[in-house]
C-alpha atoms as a PDB file:
ATOM      1  CA  UNK A   1     -17.805  19.181  24.502  1.00  0.00           C
ATOM      2  CA  UNK A   2     -16.404  16.348  22.362  1.00  0.00           C
ATOM      3  CA  UNK A   3     -12.683  15.620  22.107  1.00  0.00           C
ATOM      4  CA  UNK A   4     -11.159  13.220  19.620  1.00  0.00           C
ATOM      5  CA  UNK A   5      -8.017  11.169  19.961  1.00  0.00           C
ATOM      6  CA  UNK A   6      -6.667   9.622  16.801  1.00  0.00           C
ATOM      7  CA  UNK A   7      -3.643   7.770  18.189  1.00  0.00           C
ATOM      8  CA  UNK A   8      -4.824   4.277  17.222  1.00  0.00           C
ATOM      9  CA  UNK A   9      -6.087   5.338  13.820  1.00  0.00           C
ATOM     10  CA  UNK A  10      -2.785   7.052  13.051  1.00  0.00           C
ATOM     11  CA  UNK A  11      -0.817   4.059  14.296  1.00  0.00           C
ATOM     12  CA  UNK A  12      -2.886   1.590  12.297  1.00  0.00           C
ATOM     13  CA  UNK A  13      -2.381   3.564   9.091  1.00  0.00           C
ATOM     14  CA  UNK A  14       1.327   3.965   9.811  1.00  0.00           C
ATOM     15  CA  UNK A  15       1.694   0.188  10.260  1.00  0.00           C
ATOM     16  CA  UNK A  16       0.911  -0.350   6.582  1.00  0.00           C
ATOM     17  CA  UNK A  17       3.260   2.425   5.470  1.00  0.00           C
ATOM     18  CA  UNK A  18       6.438   1.321   7.219  1.00  0.00           C
ATOM     19  CA  UNK A  19       7.896  -2.077   7.964  1.00  0.00           C
ATOM     20  CA  UNK A  20       9.600  -0.672  11.088  1.00  0.00           C
ATOM     21  CA  UNK A  21       6.242  -0.699  12.848  1.00  0.00           C
ATOM     22  CA  UNK A  22       5.805  -4.339  11.808  1.00  0.00           C
ATOM     23  CA  UNK A  23       8.662  -5.096  14.207  1.00  0.00           C
ATOM     24  CA  UNK A  24       7.152  -2.980  16.998  1.00  0.00           C
ATOM     25  CA  UNK A  25       3.600  -4.248  16.439  1.00  0.00           C
ATOM     26  CA  UNK A  26       3.981  -7.785  15.011  1.00  0.00           C
ATOM     27  CA  UNK A  27       0.578  -8.982  16.242  1.00  0.00           C
ATOM     28  CA  UNK A  28      -2.643  -7.854  17.881  1.00  0.00           C
ATOM     29  CA  UNK A  29      -1.379  -8.457  21.428  1.00  0.00           C
ATOM     30  CA  UNK A  30       1.578  -6.143  20.754  1.00  0.00           C
ATOM     31  CA  UNK A  31      -0.796  -3.481  19.459  1.00  0.00           C
ATOM     32  CA  UNK A  32      -2.841  -3.692  22.663  1.00  0.00           C
ATOM     33  CA  UNK A  33       0.352  -3.523  24.740  1.00  0.00           C
ATOM     34  CA  UNK A  34       1.672  -0.515  22.843  1.00  0.00           C
ATOM     35  CA  UNK A  35      -1.678   1.226  23.234  1.00  0.00           C
ATOM     36  CA  UNK A  36      -1.675   0.525  26.973  1.00  0.00           C
ATOM     37  CA  UNK A  37       1.833   1.985  27.378  1.00  0.00           C
ATOM     38  CA  UNK A  38       0.921   5.039  25.305  1.00  0.00           C
ATOM     39  CA  UNK A  39      -2.324   5.617  27.214  1.00  0.00           C
ATOM     40  CA  UNK A  40      -0.717   5.364  30.685  1.00  0.00           C
ATOM     41  CA  UNK A  41       1.592   8.294  29.901  1.00  0.00           C
ATOM     42  CA  UNK A  42      -0.703  10.240  27.580  1.00  0.00           C
ATOM     43  CA  UNK A  43      -2.344  13.601  28.138  1.00  0.00           C
ATOM     44  CA  UNK A  44      -5.661  11.813  27.504  1.00  0.00           C
ATOM     45  CA  UNK A  45      -5.304   9.800  30.719  1.00  0.00           C
ATOM     46  CA  UNK A  46      -4.443  12.960  32.659  1.00  0.00           C
ATOM     47  CA  UNK A  47      -7.436  14.703  31.115  1.00  0.00           C
ATOM     48  CA  UNK A  48      -9.746  11.835  32.158  1.00  0.00           C
ATOM     49  CA  UNK A  49      -8.402  11.995  35.727  1.00  0.00           C
ATOM     50  CA  UNK A  50      -9.079  15.744  35.801  1.00  0.00           C
ATOM     51  CA  UNK A  51     -12.632  15.168  34.600  1.00  0.00           C
ATOM     52  CA  UNK A  52     -13.134  12.491  37.267  1.00  0.00           C
ATOM     53  CA  UNK A  53     -12.004  14.906  39.982  1.00  0.00           C
ATOM     54  CA  UNK A  54     -14.606  17.367  38.697  1.00  0.00           C
ATOM     55  CA  UNK A  55     -17.337  14.715  38.837  1.00  0.00           C
ATOM     56  CA  UNK A  56     -17.847  14.554  35.069  1.00  0.00           C
ATOM     57  CA  UNK A  57     -19.271  11.558  33.265  1.00  0.00           C
ATOM     58  CA  UNK A  58     -17.333  10.641  30.090  1.00  0.00           C
ATOM     59  CA  UNK A  59     -18.470   8.532  27.145  1.00  0.00           C
ATOM     60  CA  UNK A  60     -15.706   6.854  25.148  1.00  0.00           C
ATOM     61  CA  UNK A  61     -16.272   5.199  21.787  1.00  0.00           C
ATOM     62  CA  UNK A  62     -14.764   4.810  18.347  1.00  0.00           C
ATOM     63  CA  UNK A  63     -16.017   5.651  14.875  1.00  0.00           C
ATOM     64  CA  UNK A  64     -14.965   2.213  13.586  1.00  0.00           C
ATOM     65  CA  UNK A  65     -13.028  -0.895  14.436  1.00  0.00           C
ATOM     66  CA  UNK A  66     -10.255  -2.535  12.462  1.00  0.00           C
ATOM     67  CA  UNK A  67      -9.113  -5.951  11.351  1.00  0.00           C
ATOM     68  CA  UNK A  68      -5.822  -7.542  10.346  1.00  0.00           C
ATOM     69  CA  UNK A  69      -6.319  -8.499   6.699  1.00  0.00           C
ATOM     70  CA  UNK A  70      -5.016 -11.878   5.632  1.00  0.00           C
ATOM     71  CA  UNK A  71      -6.582 -12.857   2.298  1.00  0.00           C
ATOM     72  CA  UNK A  72      -6.315 -10.881  -0.927  1.00  0.00           C
ATOM     73  CA  UNK A  73      -9.157 -10.805  -3.430  1.00  0.00           C
ATOM     74  CA  UNK A  74      -9.057  -9.365  -6.921  1.00  0.00           C
ATOM     75  CA  UNK A  75     -11.042  -6.246  -7.762  1.00  0.00           C
ATOM     76  CA  UNK A  76     -11.798  -5.340 -11.372  1.00  0.00           C
ATOM     77  CA  UNK A  77     -12.898  -1.997 -12.725  1.00  0.00           C
ATOM     78  CA  UNK A  78     -11.827   1.123 -14.524  1.00  0.00           C
ATOM     79  CA  UNK A  79      -8.953   3.430 -13.574  1.00  0.00           C
ATOM     80  CA  UNK A  80     -11.278   5.582 -11.453  1.00  0.00           C
ATOM     81  CA  UNK A  81     -11.456   3.122  -8.522  1.00  0.00           C
ATOM     82  CA  UNK A  82     -10.936   4.548  -5.026  1.00  0.00           C
ATOM     83  CA  UNK A  83      -7.794   3.667  -3.066  1.00  0.00           C
ATOM     84  CA  UNK A  84      -9.074   2.011   0.151  1.00  0.00           C
ATOM     85  CA  UNK A  85      -8.156  -1.668   0.584  1.00  0.00           C
ATOM     86  CA  UNK A  86     -11.438  -2.778   2.210  1.00  0.00           C
ATOM     87  CA  UNK A  87     -13.966  -0.863   0.103  1.00  0.00           C
ATOM     88  CA  UNK A  88     -13.923   0.509  -3.403  1.00  0.00           C
ATOM     89  CA  UNK A  89     -16.198   2.731  -5.414  1.00  0.00           C
ATOM     90  CA  UNK A  90     -16.209   3.570  -9.063  1.00  0.00           C
ATOM     91  CA  UNK A  91     -17.738   2.487 -12.346  1.00  0.00           C
ATOM     92  CA  UNK A  92     -17.944  -1.123 -13.524  1.00  0.00           C
ATOM     93  CA  UNK A  93     -16.641  -2.803 -10.335  1.00  0.00           C
ATOM     94  CA  UNK A  94     -16.490  -6.588 -10.186  1.00  0.00           C
ATOM     95  CA  UNK A  95     -15.294  -8.837  -7.361  1.00  0.00           C
ATOM     96  CA  UNK A  96     -15.654 -12.424  -6.182  1.00  0.00           C
ATOM     97  CA  UNK A  97     -19.092 -12.770  -4.520  1.00  0.00           C
ATOM     98  CA  UNK A  98     -17.790 -15.041  -1.731  1.00  0.00           C
ATOM     99  CA  UNK A  99     -15.170 -12.461  -0.742  1.00  0.00           C
ATOM    100  CA  UNK A 100     -16.963  -9.136  -1.298  1.00  0.00           C
ATOM    101  CA  UNK A 101     -20.343  -7.475  -1.562  1.00  0.00           C
ATOM    102  CA  UNK A 102     -20.884  -5.423  -4.715  1.00  0.00           C
ATOM    103  CA  UNK A 103     -23.628  -2.821  -4.497  1.00  0.00           C
ATOM    104  CA  UNK A 104     -24.851  -2.096  -8.006  1.00  0.00           C
ATOM    105  CA  UNK A 105     -27.278   0.575  -6.762  1.00  0.00           C
ATOM    106  CA  UNK A 106     -25.491   2.447  -3.939  1.00  0.00           C
ATOM    107  CA  UNK A 107     -28.351   4.929  -3.669  1.00  0.00           C
ATOM    108  CA  UNK A 108     -30.539   2.098  -2.311  1.00  0.00           C
ATOM    109  CA  UNK A 109     -28.121   2.008   0.668  1.00  0.00           C
ATOM    110  CA  UNK A 110     -27.994   5.804   1.050  1.00  0.00           C
ATOM    111  CA  UNK A 111     -24.394   5.873  -0.181  1.00  0.00           C
ATOM    112  CA  UNK A 112     -23.067   8.887  -2.100  1.00  0.00           C
ATOM    113  CA  UNK A 113     -22.878   8.661  -5.863  1.00  0.00           C
ATOM    114  CA  UNK A 114     -20.243  10.561  -7.796  1.00  0.00           C
ATOM    115  CA  UNK A 115     -21.328   9.256 -11.191  1.00  0.00           C
ATOM    116  CA  UNK A 116     -24.522   7.483 -12.290  1.00  0.00           C
ATOM    117  CA  UNK A 117     -22.466   4.376 -13.134  1.00  0.00           C
ATOM    118  CA  UNK A 118     -20.804   4.200  -9.685  1.00  0.00           C
ATOM    119  CA  UNK A 119     -20.841   0.966  -7.724  1.00  0.00           C
ATOM    120  CA  UNK A 120     -19.442   0.026  -4.327  1.00  0.00           C
ATOM    121  CA  UNK A 121     -17.493  -3.118  -3.445  1.00  0.00           C
ATOM    122  CA  UNK A 122     -16.969  -3.966   0.226  1.00  0.00           C
ATOM    123  CA  UNK A 123     -14.572  -6.714   1.333  1.00  0.00           C
ATOM    124  CA  UNK A 124     -15.915  -9.436   3.617  1.00  0.00           C
ATOM    125  CA  UNK A 125     -14.222 -11.108   6.585  1.00  0.00           C
ATOM    126  CA  UNK A 126     -10.429 -10.581   6.483  1.00  0.00           C
ATOM    127  CA  UNK A 127     -10.173 -10.040   2.722  1.00  0.00           C
ATOM    128  CA  UNK A 128      -8.599  -6.998   1.108  1.00  0.00           C
ATOM    129  CA  UNK A 129      -8.684  -5.839  -2.478  1.00  0.00           C
ATOM    130  CA  UNK A 130      -5.744  -6.133  -4.835  1.00  0.00           C
ATOM    131  CA  UNK A 131      -5.547  -5.298  -8.510  1.00  0.00           C
ATOM    132  CA  UNK A 132      -4.972  -7.869 -11.264  1.00  0.00           C
ATOM    133  CA  UNK A 133      -1.885  -5.895 -12.330  1.00  0.00           C
ATOM    134  CA  UNK A 134       1.003  -6.813 -10.026  1.00  0.00           C
ATOM    135  CA  UNK A 135      -1.105  -8.913  -7.602  1.00  0.00           C
ATOM    136  CA  UNK A 136       1.930 -10.419  -5.831  1.00  0.00           C
ATOM    137  CA  UNK A 137       3.345  -6.955  -5.150  1.00  0.00           C
ATOM    138  CA  UNK A 138       0.058  -5.737  -3.641  1.00  0.00           C
ATOM    139  CA  UNK A 139      -0.321  -8.922  -1.625  1.00  0.00           C
ATOM    140  CA  UNK A 140       3.194  -8.628  -0.204  1.00  0.00           C
ATOM    141  CA  UNK A 141       2.703  -4.952   0.675  1.00  0.00           C
ATOM    142  CA  UNK A 142      -0.640  -5.213   2.471  1.00  0.00           C
ATOM    143  CA  UNK A 143      -1.033  -8.768   3.815  1.00  0.00           C
ATOM    144  CA  UNK A 144      -1.355  -8.812   7.633  1.00  0.00           C
ATOM    145  CA  UNK A 145      -1.776  -5.035   7.871  1.00  0.00           C
ATOM    146  CA  UNK A 146      -4.519  -3.426   9.965  1.00  0.00           C
ATOM    147  CA  UNK A 147      -7.359  -2.002   7.897  1.00  0.00           C
ATOM    148  CA  UNK A 148     -10.932  -0.778   8.213  1.00  0.00           C
ATOM    149  CA  UNK A 149     -13.896  -0.138   5.964  1.00  0.00           C
ATOM    150  CA  UNK A 150     -15.051  -3.685   5.278  1.00  0.00           C
ATOM    151  CA  UNK A 151     -17.729  -6.056   6.510  1.00  0.00           C
ATOM    152  CA  UNK A 152     -16.505  -7.807   9.632  1.00  0.00           C
ATOM    153  CA  UNK A 153     -17.697  -7.893  13.225  1.00  0.00           C
ATOM    154  CA  UNK A 154     -14.423  -6.303  14.364  1.00  0.00           C
ATOM    155  CA  UNK A 155     -15.034  -3.257  12.181  1.00  0.00           C
ATOM    156  CA  UNK A 156     -18.762  -2.846  12.599  1.00  0.00           C
ATOM    157  CA  UNK A 157     -19.449  -3.392  16.301  1.00  0.00           C
ATOM    158  CA  UNK A 158     -18.356  -0.181  17.960  1.00  0.00           C
ATOM    159  CA  UNK A 159     -17.510  -0.330  21.677  1.00  0.00           C
ATOM    160  CA  UNK A 160     -18.931   2.264  24.039  1.00  0.00           C
ATOM    161  CA  UNK A 161     -17.866   2.895  27.638  1.00  0.00           C
ATOM    162  CA  UNK A 162     -19.380   5.346  30.107  1.00  0.00           C
ATOM    163  CA  UNK A 163     -16.914   6.428  32.788  1.00  0.00           C
ATOM    164  CA  UNK A 164     -18.230   7.741  36.083  1.00  0.00           C
ATOM    165  CA  UNK A 165     -16.038   9.130  38.856  1.00  0.00           C
ATOM    166  CA  UNK A 166     -15.631   6.986  41.981  1.00  0.00           C
END
């Protein structure tokens, strides 16, 4: 039986939506600390202790990592571009090659295609996409937020832990 816990994912997405969380989680160490405090008093920890008492083995992993984005890069395309900050799809996408990978033929990578003219753009390193209209506004809103969906070691190497009862 698989159980999912979305606390970190929800927190990470909330960090970009409210500046209050910027004060609570100003850096990565604070995020780890907040997670530790949450986990110690969470029902998840109690559930894991119950499973240990029953002799169960538990595998813990994540579906993706995340990264704190620091450098904006411009993305160009039509109005039908997707909303994510670390990857985009839509027709006629263009981005700086040093800061993003543009896949002209997404089907070669087994990616879904909504329209025959669809392309994918995936941000590299700690870049995030901003639009040429109001670039300063986008940069101010999203710089130093936690994001996922790009090409970085932090996002692509998924940790796995197997817990065995003592």
